[in-house]
Protein backbone atom coordinates (compact mmCIF):
# COMPACT_ATOMS: atom_id res chain seq x y z
CA MET A 1 31.04 20.72 0.68
CA ALA A 2 32.99 21.93 -2.58
CA LEU A 3 31.69 18.89 -4.65
CA PHE A 4 28.08 19.89 -4.32
CA SER A 5 27.97 23.31 -6.79
CA THR A 6 25.32 26.00 -6.23
CA GLU A 7 25.30 26.13 -10.01
CA VAL A 8 23.26 22.78 -10.02
CA LEU A 9 20.79 24.14 -7.43
CA ASN A 10 17.59 26.06 -7.86
CA PRO A 11 17.17 29.71 -6.78
CA GLY A 12 16.91 29.95 -3.14
CA VAL A 13 18.30 26.35 -2.65
CA ARG A 14 21.49 26.30 -0.13
CA ARG A 15 24.05 23.53 -0.10
CA ARG A 16 23.50 22.95 3.27
CA GLU A 17 19.91 21.67 2.39
CA LEU A 18 21.40 19.18 -0.22
CA LEU A 19 23.55 17.79 2.09
CA GLY A 20 20.42 17.20 4.24
CA TRP A 21 18.93 15.97 1.67
CA ALA A 22 21.83 13.68 0.68
CA MET A 23 21.71 12.43 4.07
CA TYR A 24 18.52 10.77 3.95
CA ASP A 25 19.95 8.48 0.84
CA PHE A 26 22.96 7.66 3.67
CA ALA A 27 20.58 6.86 6.50
CA ASN A 28 18.46 4.50 4.67
CA SER A 29 21.04 2.56 3.12
CA GLY A 30 21.85 0.80 6.08
CA TYR A 31 18.12 -0.62 6.20
CA THR A 32 18.36 -1.91 2.82
CA THR A 33 22.27 -2.97 3.17
CA VAL A 34 22.02 -5.12 6.71
CA VAL A 35 18.47 -6.13 6.70
CA ILE A 36 17.32 -6.85 3.39
CA THR A 37 20.65 -8.04 1.72
CA ALA A 38 23.44 -8.92 3.63
CA VAL A 39 22.42 -9.82 7.19
CA PHE A 40 18.85 -10.56 7.84
CA ALA A 41 17.91 -11.85 4.72
CA ALA A 42 20.45 -15.30 4.81
CA TYR A 43 19.60 -15.29 8.80
CA PHE A 44 15.72 -15.20 7.89
CA VAL A 45 16.42 -18.71 5.36
CA GLY A 46 19.31 -19.93 7.39
CA GLY A 47 18.43 -19.56 10.63
CA VAL A 48 14.74 -18.14 11.91
CA ALA A 49 13.29 -20.57 8.83
CA GLY A 50 15.90 -23.57 9.65
CA GLY A 51 17.28 -23.44 6.22
CA ALA A 52 13.75 -24.90 4.93
CA ASP A 53 12.80 -25.36 0.96
CA TRP A 54 10.24 -23.08 1.77
CA ALA A 55 12.43 -20.26 3.62
CA PRO A 56 13.32 -18.14 -0.07
CA LEU A 57 9.70 -18.11 -0.74
CA ALA A 58 8.33 -16.93 3.12
CA TRP A 59 10.60 -14.49 2.91
CA THR A 60 9.93 -13.07 -0.60
CA VAL A 61 6.54 -13.67 0.77
CA ALA A 62 6.95 -10.86 3.43
CA LEU A 63 8.45 -8.53 1.35
CA SER A 64 5.56 -8.50 -1.21
CA ILE A 65 3.17 -7.96 1.56
CA SER A 66 4.43 -5.01 2.62
CA TYR A 67 5.16 -3.99 -1.03
CA ALA A 68 1.33 -4.60 -1.95
CA ILE A 69 0.85 -1.96 1.52
CA VAL A 70 2.83 0.62 -0.90
CA MET A 71 1.74 0.20 -4.03
CA LEU A 72 -2.27 0.50 -2.41
CA THR A 73 -1.14 3.76 -0.23
CA MET A 74 2.17 5.51 -1.66
CA PRO A 75 0.21 7.31 -4.25
CA SER A 76 -2.41 8.77 -2.07
CA LEU A 77 -0.27 9.30 0.96
CA GLY A 78 1.61 11.39 -1.73
CA ALA A 79 -1.12 13.45 -2.99
CA TRP A 80 -1.83 13.93 0.77
CA ALA A 81 1.57 15.25 1.29
CA ASP A 82 1.13 17.91 -1.91
CA LEU A 83 -2.46 18.93 -0.67
CA ARG A 84 -1.62 19.96 2.87
CA GLY A 85 2.35 20.81 2.23
CA ALA A 86 3.55 17.99 4.51
CA LYS A 87 6.26 15.79 2.99
CA LYS A 88 9.10 16.35 5.72
CA LYS A 89 6.51 15.62 8.52
CA LEU A 90 5.41 12.29 6.91
CA LEU A 91 8.70 11.97 6.50
CA MET A 92 9.43 11.65 9.72
CA LEU A 93 6.69 9.84 10.98
CA SER A 94 7.42 7.17 8.43
CA THR A 95 11.61 7.19 9.89
CA ALA A 96 10.22 6.70 13.24
CA ALA A 97 8.31 3.38 12.74
CA CYS A 98 10.42 1.94 10.37
CA VAL A 99 13.72 2.78 12.95
CA LEU A 100 11.81 0.95 15.91
CA ALA A 101 10.59 -1.82 13.17
CA THR A 102 14.05 -2.52 13.19
CA ALA A 103 15.32 -2.62 15.73
CA ALA A 104 12.39 -5.08 16.68
CA LEU A 105 13.49 -7.40 14.39
CA ALA A 106 16.49 -8.88 17.28
CA PHE A 107 13.68 -10.23 18.82
CA ALA A 108 13.29 -12.50 15.95
CA GLN A 109 14.79 -16.03 17.11
CA PRO A 110 14.98 -19.70 15.84
CA GLY A 111 11.69 -20.44 14.98
CA SER A 112 9.89 -17.17 14.95
CA VAL A 113 9.11 -17.11 11.57
CA VAL A 114 5.81 -15.20 11.78
CA LEU A 115 7.16 -12.69 14.61
CA ALA A 116 10.09 -11.82 11.67
CA MET A 117 7.82 -11.96 8.69
CA LEU A 118 5.86 -9.57 10.47
CA LEU A 119 8.38 -6.91 11.59
CA ILE A 120 9.88 -7.12 7.93
CA ILE A 121 6.39 -6.00 6.48
CA VAL A 122 6.01 -2.87 8.95
CA SER A 123 9.98 -2.14 8.67
CA ASN A 124 9.95 -2.25 4.72
CA THR A 125 6.65 -0.71 4.20
CA PHE A 126 7.53 2.50 6.60
CA TYR A 127 11.08 2.23 4.52
CA SER A 128 9.75 2.32 0.80
CA TYR A 129 7.14 5.26 2.11
CA GLY A 130 10.92 7.18 3.43
CA GLU A 131 12.17 6.90 0.41
CA SER A 132 9.40 7.91 -2.14
CA LEU A 133 9.10 11.03 0.25
CA THR A 134 12.50 11.91 0.09
CA ALA A 135 13.07 11.26 -3.77
CA ALA A 136 9.62 13.91 -4.18
CA PHE A 137 12.44 16.81 -2.58
CA LEU A 138 14.98 15.97 -5.48
CA PRO A 139 13.30 18.44 -8.51
CA GLU A 140 12.77 21.08 -5.61
CA LEU A 141 16.36 21.76 -5.42
CA ALA A 142 17.95 20.75 -8.25
CA ARG A 143 17.63 22.35 -11.57
CA PRO A 144 16.16 20.11 -14.79
CA GLU A 145 19.30 20.01 -16.66
CA SER A 146 21.36 19.10 -12.97
CA LEU A 147 18.63 15.95 -12.37
CA GLY A 148 20.81 13.16 -13.23
CA LYS A 149 24.08 13.95 -10.96
CA VAL A 150 22.54 15.75 -7.93
CA SER A 151 20.44 11.99 -8.04
CA GLY A 152 23.45 10.41 -8.74
CA TRP A 153 24.63 11.88 -5.57
CA GLY A 154 22.37 11.07 -3.38
CA TRP A 155 22.50 7.47 -4.37
CA ALA A 156 26.13 7.22 -4.38
CA PHE A 157 26.44 9.16 -0.58
CA GLY A 158 23.73 6.52 0.13
CA TYR A 159 25.72 3.79 -0.91
CA VAL A 160 28.65 4.97 1.77
CA GLY A 161 25.77 5.04 4.44
CA GLY A 162 25.33 1.42 3.58
CA MET A 163 28.79 0.52 3.98
CA LEU A 164 29.46 2.28 6.83
CA THR A 165 26.72 0.67 8.39
CA LEU A 166 27.67 -2.90 6.68
CA ALA A 167 31.35 -1.89 8.23
CA ILE A 168 30.61 -1.49 11.93
CA CYS A 169 28.27 -4.43 11.74
CA LEU A 170 30.79 -6.84 10.14
CA ALA A 171 33.46 -5.60 12.40
CA TYR A 172 30.76 -7.19 15.31
CA VAL A 173 30.12 -10.16 13.47
CA LEU A 174 34.01 -10.93 13.70
CA HIS A 175 34.30 -10.12 16.67
CA ALA A 176 31.23 -12.16 18.18
CA GLN A 177 32.32 -15.37 15.50
CA GLY A 178 36.07 -15.03 17.49
CA GLN A 179 34.28 -15.81 20.62
CA GLY A 180 32.11 -18.54 19.30
CA GLN A 181 28.94 -16.66 19.67
CA PRO A 182 25.73 -18.24 17.21
CA ALA A 183 23.83 -16.06 14.64
CA SER A 184 20.83 -16.23 16.75
CA ARG A 185 22.93 -13.78 19.17
CA PHE A 186 25.03 -11.53 16.60
CA VAL A 187 22.05 -10.95 14.25
CA PRO A 188 20.26 -9.33 17.32
CA VAL A 189 22.89 -7.20 17.61
CA THR A 190 23.40 -5.57 13.67
CA MET A 191 19.66 -4.97 14.04
CA TRP A 192 20.05 -2.38 16.52
CA ILE A 193 23.22 -0.51 15.15
CA THR A 194 21.43 -0.44 11.88
CA ALA A 195 18.24 1.54 13.45
CA ILE A 196 20.74 3.66 15.79
CA VAL A 197 22.69 4.37 12.50
CA TYR A 198 19.34 5.23 10.93
CA ALA A 199 18.25 7.32 12.72
CA LEU A 200 21.26 9.46 13.93
CA ALA A 201 21.80 10.21 9.92
CA ALA A 202 17.82 10.87 9.67
CA CYS A 203 18.03 13.57 12.31
CA VAL A 204 20.57 15.54 9.75
CA THR A 205 18.04 15.64 7.08
CA PHE A 206 15.24 16.79 9.36
CA ALA A 207 17.49 19.74 10.85
CA LEU A 208 18.71 20.66 6.97
CA LEU A 209 15.99 20.03 4.48
CA ARG A 210 13.16 22.47 4.62
CA GLU A 211 8.99 22.34 3.32
CA ARG A 212 9.04 24.12 0.38
CA ALA A 213 5.33 23.21 -0.60
CA GLN A 214 2.64 25.61 0.89
CA GLY A 215 -0.12 22.92 0.10
CA VAL A 216 -3.75 23.64 -0.49
CA ALA A 217 -5.89 25.44 1.81
CA GLY A 218 -9.56 23.75 2.54
CA ALA A 219 -8.17 20.73 0.38
CA ASP A 220 -9.57 17.67 0.27
CA GLU A 221 -8.06 14.60 1.58
CA PRO A 222 -8.70 10.88 1.57
CA ALA A 223 -10.51 9.78 5.12
CA ASN A 224 -10.62 6.09 4.68
CA LEU A 225 -9.44 3.21 2.63
CA ARG A 226 -12.33 3.43 -0.14
CA GLU A 227 -11.72 6.97 -0.24
CA ALA A 228 -7.57 6.61 -0.64
CA LEU A 229 -8.27 3.84 -3.31
CA GLY A 230 -10.25 6.14 -5.24
CA ARG A 231 -7.84 9.09 -5.09
CA LEU A 232 -5.66 6.24 -6.64
CA LYS A 233 -8.07 5.27 -9.74
CA GLN A 234 -7.88 9.34 -10.08
CA THR A 235 -3.98 9.91 -9.87
CA PHE A 236 -3.59 7.43 -12.26
CA ARG A 237 -6.43 8.87 -14.71
CA GLU A 238 -4.32 11.92 -14.70
CA ALA A 239 -1.01 10.25 -15.34
CA ARG A 240 -2.16 8.50 -18.27
CA ARG A 241 -1.78 12.01 -19.90
CA TYR A 242 1.54 11.39 -19.67
CA ARG A 243 2.50 8.90 -21.97
CA ASP A 244 6.58 9.13 -21.59
CA PHE A 245 5.97 8.84 -17.86
CA VAL A 246 3.62 5.66 -18.57
CA TRP A 247 6.44 3.99 -20.35
CA LEU A 248 8.69 5.14 -17.60
CA LEU A 249 6.11 3.36 -15.12
CA ALA A 250 6.36 0.44 -17.29
CA CYS A 251 10.07 0.30 -17.64
CA THR A 252 10.61 0.67 -13.74
CA VAL A 253 8.21 -2.51 -13.12
CA ALA A 254 10.15 -4.63 -15.64
CA TYR A 255 14.11 -3.72 -14.73
CA GLN A 256 13.74 -3.00 -11.00
CA GLY A 257 12.01 -6.28 -10.73
CA GLY A 258 15.69 -7.55 -12.00
CA VAL A 259 16.96 -5.17 -9.12
CA ALA A 260 14.65 -6.23 -6.51
CA VAL A 261 15.97 -10.12 -7.01
CA ALA A 262 19.30 -8.74 -6.43
CA ILE A 263 18.88 -6.60 -3.45
CA THR A 264 16.86 -9.48 -1.74
CA LEU A 265 17.79 -12.33 -2.61
CA ALA A 266 21.91 -11.81 -3.28
CA ALA A 267 23.05 -13.07 -0.16
CA ILE A 268 20.96 -16.23 0.38
CA TYR A 269 22.08 -17.16 -3.32
CA ALA A 270 25.83 -16.49 -2.94
CA GLU A 271 25.46 -18.53 0.86
CA GLN A 272 22.95 -21.60 -0.67
CA VAL A 273 24.51 -21.64 -4.44
CA ILE A 274 28.06 -20.67 -4.24
CA GLY A 275 29.03 -21.19 -1.29
CA PHE A 276 29.76 -18.31 0.75
CA LYS A 277 30.82 -18.10 4.66
CA GLN A 278 28.32 -15.20 6.28
CA GLN A 279 31.34 -12.67 7.03
CA GLU A 280 32.16 -13.41 3.05
CA THR A 281 28.47 -12.46 2.55
CA MET A 282 28.78 -9.30 4.15
CA LEU A 283 32.12 -8.61 2.64
CA LEU A 284 30.94 -9.22 -1.09
CA ILE A 285 27.98 -6.67 -0.50
CA MET A 286 30.22 -3.90 0.84
CA VAL A 287 32.13 -3.78 -2.49
CA LEU A 288 28.81 -4.72 -4.05
CA ASN A 289 28.55 -1.20 -2.63
CA VAL A 290 30.94 0.41 -3.38
CA ALA A 291 30.83 -0.46 -7.14
CA ALA A 292 26.79 1.00 -6.71
CA ALA A 293 28.29 4.65 -5.08
CA ALA A 294 30.82 4.48 -8.30
CA GLY A 295 27.99 3.67 -10.62
CA ALA A 296 25.88 6.08 -9.21
CA PHE A 297 28.18 9.08 -9.03
CA SER A 298 29.44 8.33 -13.08
CA CYS A 299 26.04 7.81 -14.24
CA GLY A 300 24.61 10.93 -12.93
CA TYR A 301 27.24 13.13 -14.92
CA LEU A 302 26.98 10.64 -17.79
CA GLN A 303 22.93 10.75 -18.01
CA ASP A 304 22.92 14.55 -18.00
CA ARG A 305 25.99 14.85 -21.01
CA ILE A 306 24.89 11.69 -22.81
CA GLY A 307 21.13 11.87 -21.88
CA HIS A 308 18.53 9.67 -19.30
CA LYS A 309 17.55 7.27 -22.08
CA LEU A 310 20.66 6.25 -23.63
CA THR A 311 22.55 5.96 -20.10
CA LEU A 312 19.51 3.52 -18.37
CA GLY A 313 20.08 1.20 -21.51
CA ILE A 314 23.36 1.12 -20.93
CA THR A 315 22.84 -0.15 -17.65
CA LEU A 316 19.95 -2.78 -18.41
CA VAL A 317 22.35 -4.67 -21.17
CA GLY A 318 24.90 -4.79 -18.18
CA TRP A 319 22.34 -6.37 -15.68
CA MET A 320 21.37 -9.06 -18.37
CA LEU A 321 25.51 -9.53 -18.23
CA THR A 322 25.34 -9.67 -14.48
CA CYS A 323 22.61 -12.45 -14.65
CA VAL A 324 24.12 -14.84 -17.19
CA ILE A 325 27.42 -14.91 -15.36
CA ALA A 326 26.29 -15.59 -11.77
CA ALA A 327 23.71 -18.29 -13.42
CA LEU A 328 26.94 -19.96 -14.82
CA ALA A 329 29.25 -18.91 -12.11
CA ALA A 330 30.81 -21.94 -10.51
CA THR A 331 33.66 -20.72 -8.42
CA LYS A 332 33.22 -17.67 -5.83
CA GLY A 333 35.76 -15.41 -8.41
CA GLN A 334 33.09 -16.35 -10.94
CA PHE A 335 30.19 -14.77 -8.66
CA TRP A 336 32.58 -11.57 -7.63
CA VAL A 337 32.71 -10.86 -11.26
CA ALA A 338 28.65 -11.03 -11.82
CA ALA A 339 28.58 -9.05 -8.32
CA THR A 340 30.77 -6.13 -9.13
CA ILE A 341 29.03 -5.41 -12.62
CA ALA A 342 25.75 -5.68 -10.46
CA GLY A 343 26.86 -3.14 -8.15
CA ILE A 344 27.86 -0.74 -10.99
CA CYS A 345 24.34 -1.26 -12.83
CA MET A 346 22.48 -1.49 -9.46
CA GLY A 347 23.94 2.24 -9.11
CA SER A 348 23.28 3.56 -12.25
CA SER A 349 20.00 2.32 -12.72
CA GLN A 350 18.58 3.22 -9.63
CA SER A 351 19.79 7.15 -10.05
CA VAL A 352 19.12 7.72 -13.23
CA GLY A 353 15.48 5.91 -13.16
CA ARG A 354 14.87 8.33 -9.98
CA ALA A 355 16.10 11.44 -12.16
CA MET A 356 13.91 10.48 -15.09
CA VAL A 357 10.87 10.50 -12.73
CA GLY A 358 11.72 14.12 -11.57
CA LEU A 359 11.87 15.32 -15.06
CA PHE A 360 8.71 14.11 -16.44
CA SER A 361 6.48 14.98 -12.90
CA PRO A 362 4.57 18.20 -12.56
CA ARG A 363 6.18 20.90 -9.96
CA GLU A 364 2.92 20.91 -8.15
CA ASN A 365 2.17 17.39 -8.04
CA LEU A 366 5.66 15.94 -7.47
CA ALA A 367 4.54 13.52 -3.57
CA GLU A 368 1.65 11.98 -5.92
CA PHE A 369 4.10 11.44 -9.04
CA PHE A 370 6.43 9.81 -7.16
CA GLY A 371 4.18 8.00 -5.37
CA LEU A 372 3.32 6.23 -8.59
CA TRP A 373 7.16 5.63 -9.20
CA SER A 374 6.38 4.12 -5.73
CA PHE A 375 3.74 2.03 -6.75
CA ALA A 376 6.00 0.98 -9.94
CA THR A 377 8.82 -0.21 -7.80
CA ARG A 378 6.61 -1.74 -5.17
CA LEU A 379 5.13 -3.83 -7.75
CA ALA A 380 8.05 -5.02 -9.14
CA SER A 381 8.97 -5.69 -5.89
CA ILE A 382 6.57 -8.43 -6.21
CA VAL A 383 6.83 -9.73 -9.48
CA GLY A 384 10.69 -10.15 -9.25
CA PRO A 385 11.75 -11.68 -6.15
CA LEU A 386 8.43 -13.76 -5.72
CA ALA A 387 8.99 -15.13 -9.61
CA TYR A 388 12.39 -16.09 -7.94
CA GLY A 389 11.21 -17.88 -5.17
CA LEU A 390 8.16 -19.38 -7.00
CA ILE A 391 10.66 -21.14 -9.91
CA THR A 392 13.24 -21.84 -6.91
CA TRP A 393 10.30 -23.99 -5.32
CA ALA A 394 8.78 -25.26 -8.15
CA THR A 395 12.39 -26.71 -9.52
CA GLY A 396 12.91 -28.27 -6.35
CA GLY A 397 15.43 -25.60 -4.78
CA ASN A 398 17.73 -24.50 -8.56
CA GLN A 399 18.46 -20.94 -7.76
CA ARG A 400 20.31 -21.18 -11.16
CA VAL A 401 17.55 -21.48 -13.37
CA ALA A 402 15.64 -18.68 -11.06
CA ILE A 403 18.53 -15.97 -11.71
CA ALA A 404 19.01 -16.92 -15.37
CA SER A 405 15.21 -16.39 -15.54
CA THR A 406 15.24 -12.51 -14.18
CA THR A 407 17.19 -11.67 -17.55
CA VAL A 408 13.90 -11.49 -19.18
CA LEU A 409 12.70 -8.91 -16.82
CA PHE A 410 15.49 -6.82 -18.27
CA VAL A 411 15.03 -7.33 -21.53
CA LEU A 412 11.63 -6.23 -21.23
CA GLY A 413 12.11 -3.04 -19.34
CA LEU A 414 14.82 -2.39 -22.36
CA LEU A 415 11.78 -3.02 -24.73
CA ALA A 416 9.60 -0.46 -22.63
CA LEU A 417 12.54 2.14 -22.72
CA LEU A 418 12.37 2.49 -26.25
CA PRO A 419 9.08 4.64 -26.77
CA ILE A 420 10.12 7.02 -24.39
CA ASN A 421 10.78 10.48 -25.72
CA VAL A 422 12.20 12.92 -23.30
CA HIS A 423 11.80 15.97 -24.38
CA ARG A 424 8.36 15.64 -25.05
CA GLY A 425 7.98 14.08 -21.59
CA ARG A 426 9.74 17.17 -20.10
CA ALA A 427 7.29 19.87 -21.87
CA MET A 428 4.32 17.82 -20.45
CA SER A 429 5.57 18.17 -17.08
CA THR A 430 5.82 21.92 -17.49
CA ARG A 431 2.31 22.33 -18.37
CA GLY A 432 1.18 20.62 -14.76
CA ILE A 433 -2.40 18.55 -14.05
CA ALA A 434 -5.23 21.02 -15.24
């Protein structure tokens, strides 16, 4: 706890609250690590879908549907949470839904493609809600000059949670494989393990984290889809006045599309292109998480020292290098190099992006602006993996071309980063929405 210094916290915030907030990163990282990246993604393609040519596209379509749902609803949900002072309540409901849907993935057996896709849509939608809502607590906890390191602490702690969940799953998988069990028997158990760890760790968050927002008495709230979409349009109209925040969203759409490719398709690429076995893939993702934790932690301090913009730019260059190495990798050793660089860049780019959103968001509209950030990240998560799936399908299964093409997304992200003025963006956020 000495690491969580009170000097970085806003007045009245206790260190136990920071620990509780970071525990949610710890809790939900197991979902992305085990379900989206290391285990279920490859099992869906090779087991549930039987290794069909259309399987990577089906996987990306399921994820894209969930991201589209989040894009259309999260800004309005964020606005509702701000008006009602209900971020924590909404976070609890989202967590429960994601945990239950994750546990239900255990029933997805070979051939049950539709069931697996539906459960992925549900679980990933509520996971995304939780990610956005917990991020909206960050500016309430940390001082503006310390947003980088505090965000980095959360991401780093999150990767530790992902590694712990994956390590437990890996131990079970090795035990099951030693007994000759097929993936259709041991993968379902890993879904239960993931759901249990998520639920238990999130309970710490709910016990320690306070809801500081008071809400607005008698405020109107969206009552149906039409009104919710109207609120989304209004949110974008208001946010347009925040020039640097809008450029940050554009940058996020581009580079997070590439990050989404790494998260959702790394295991598939490793097994189908490089020739990794499942236990090797899980070990690879474990090392990737170690590198990501180190990247998030160190870059949190780096961005508070040299600046958010420069730090993010460095990570985007690292991502470009990763794509090139992965596309050209002919051996497992070469792909290990790409994965290590990807891990460092993943932790740092995600942490830096979240801190910049916190810096540019008006205090009274945190959940709403982080909802717009979710809109951008989920649009990116549609564009990146879906483009990867379409390129793979169009080239007859050539995933090397698809991963090489992902470099373009990071180049676009770097170009969108150039117009951002951090000091101007911070100054605008302190004026609030009139």
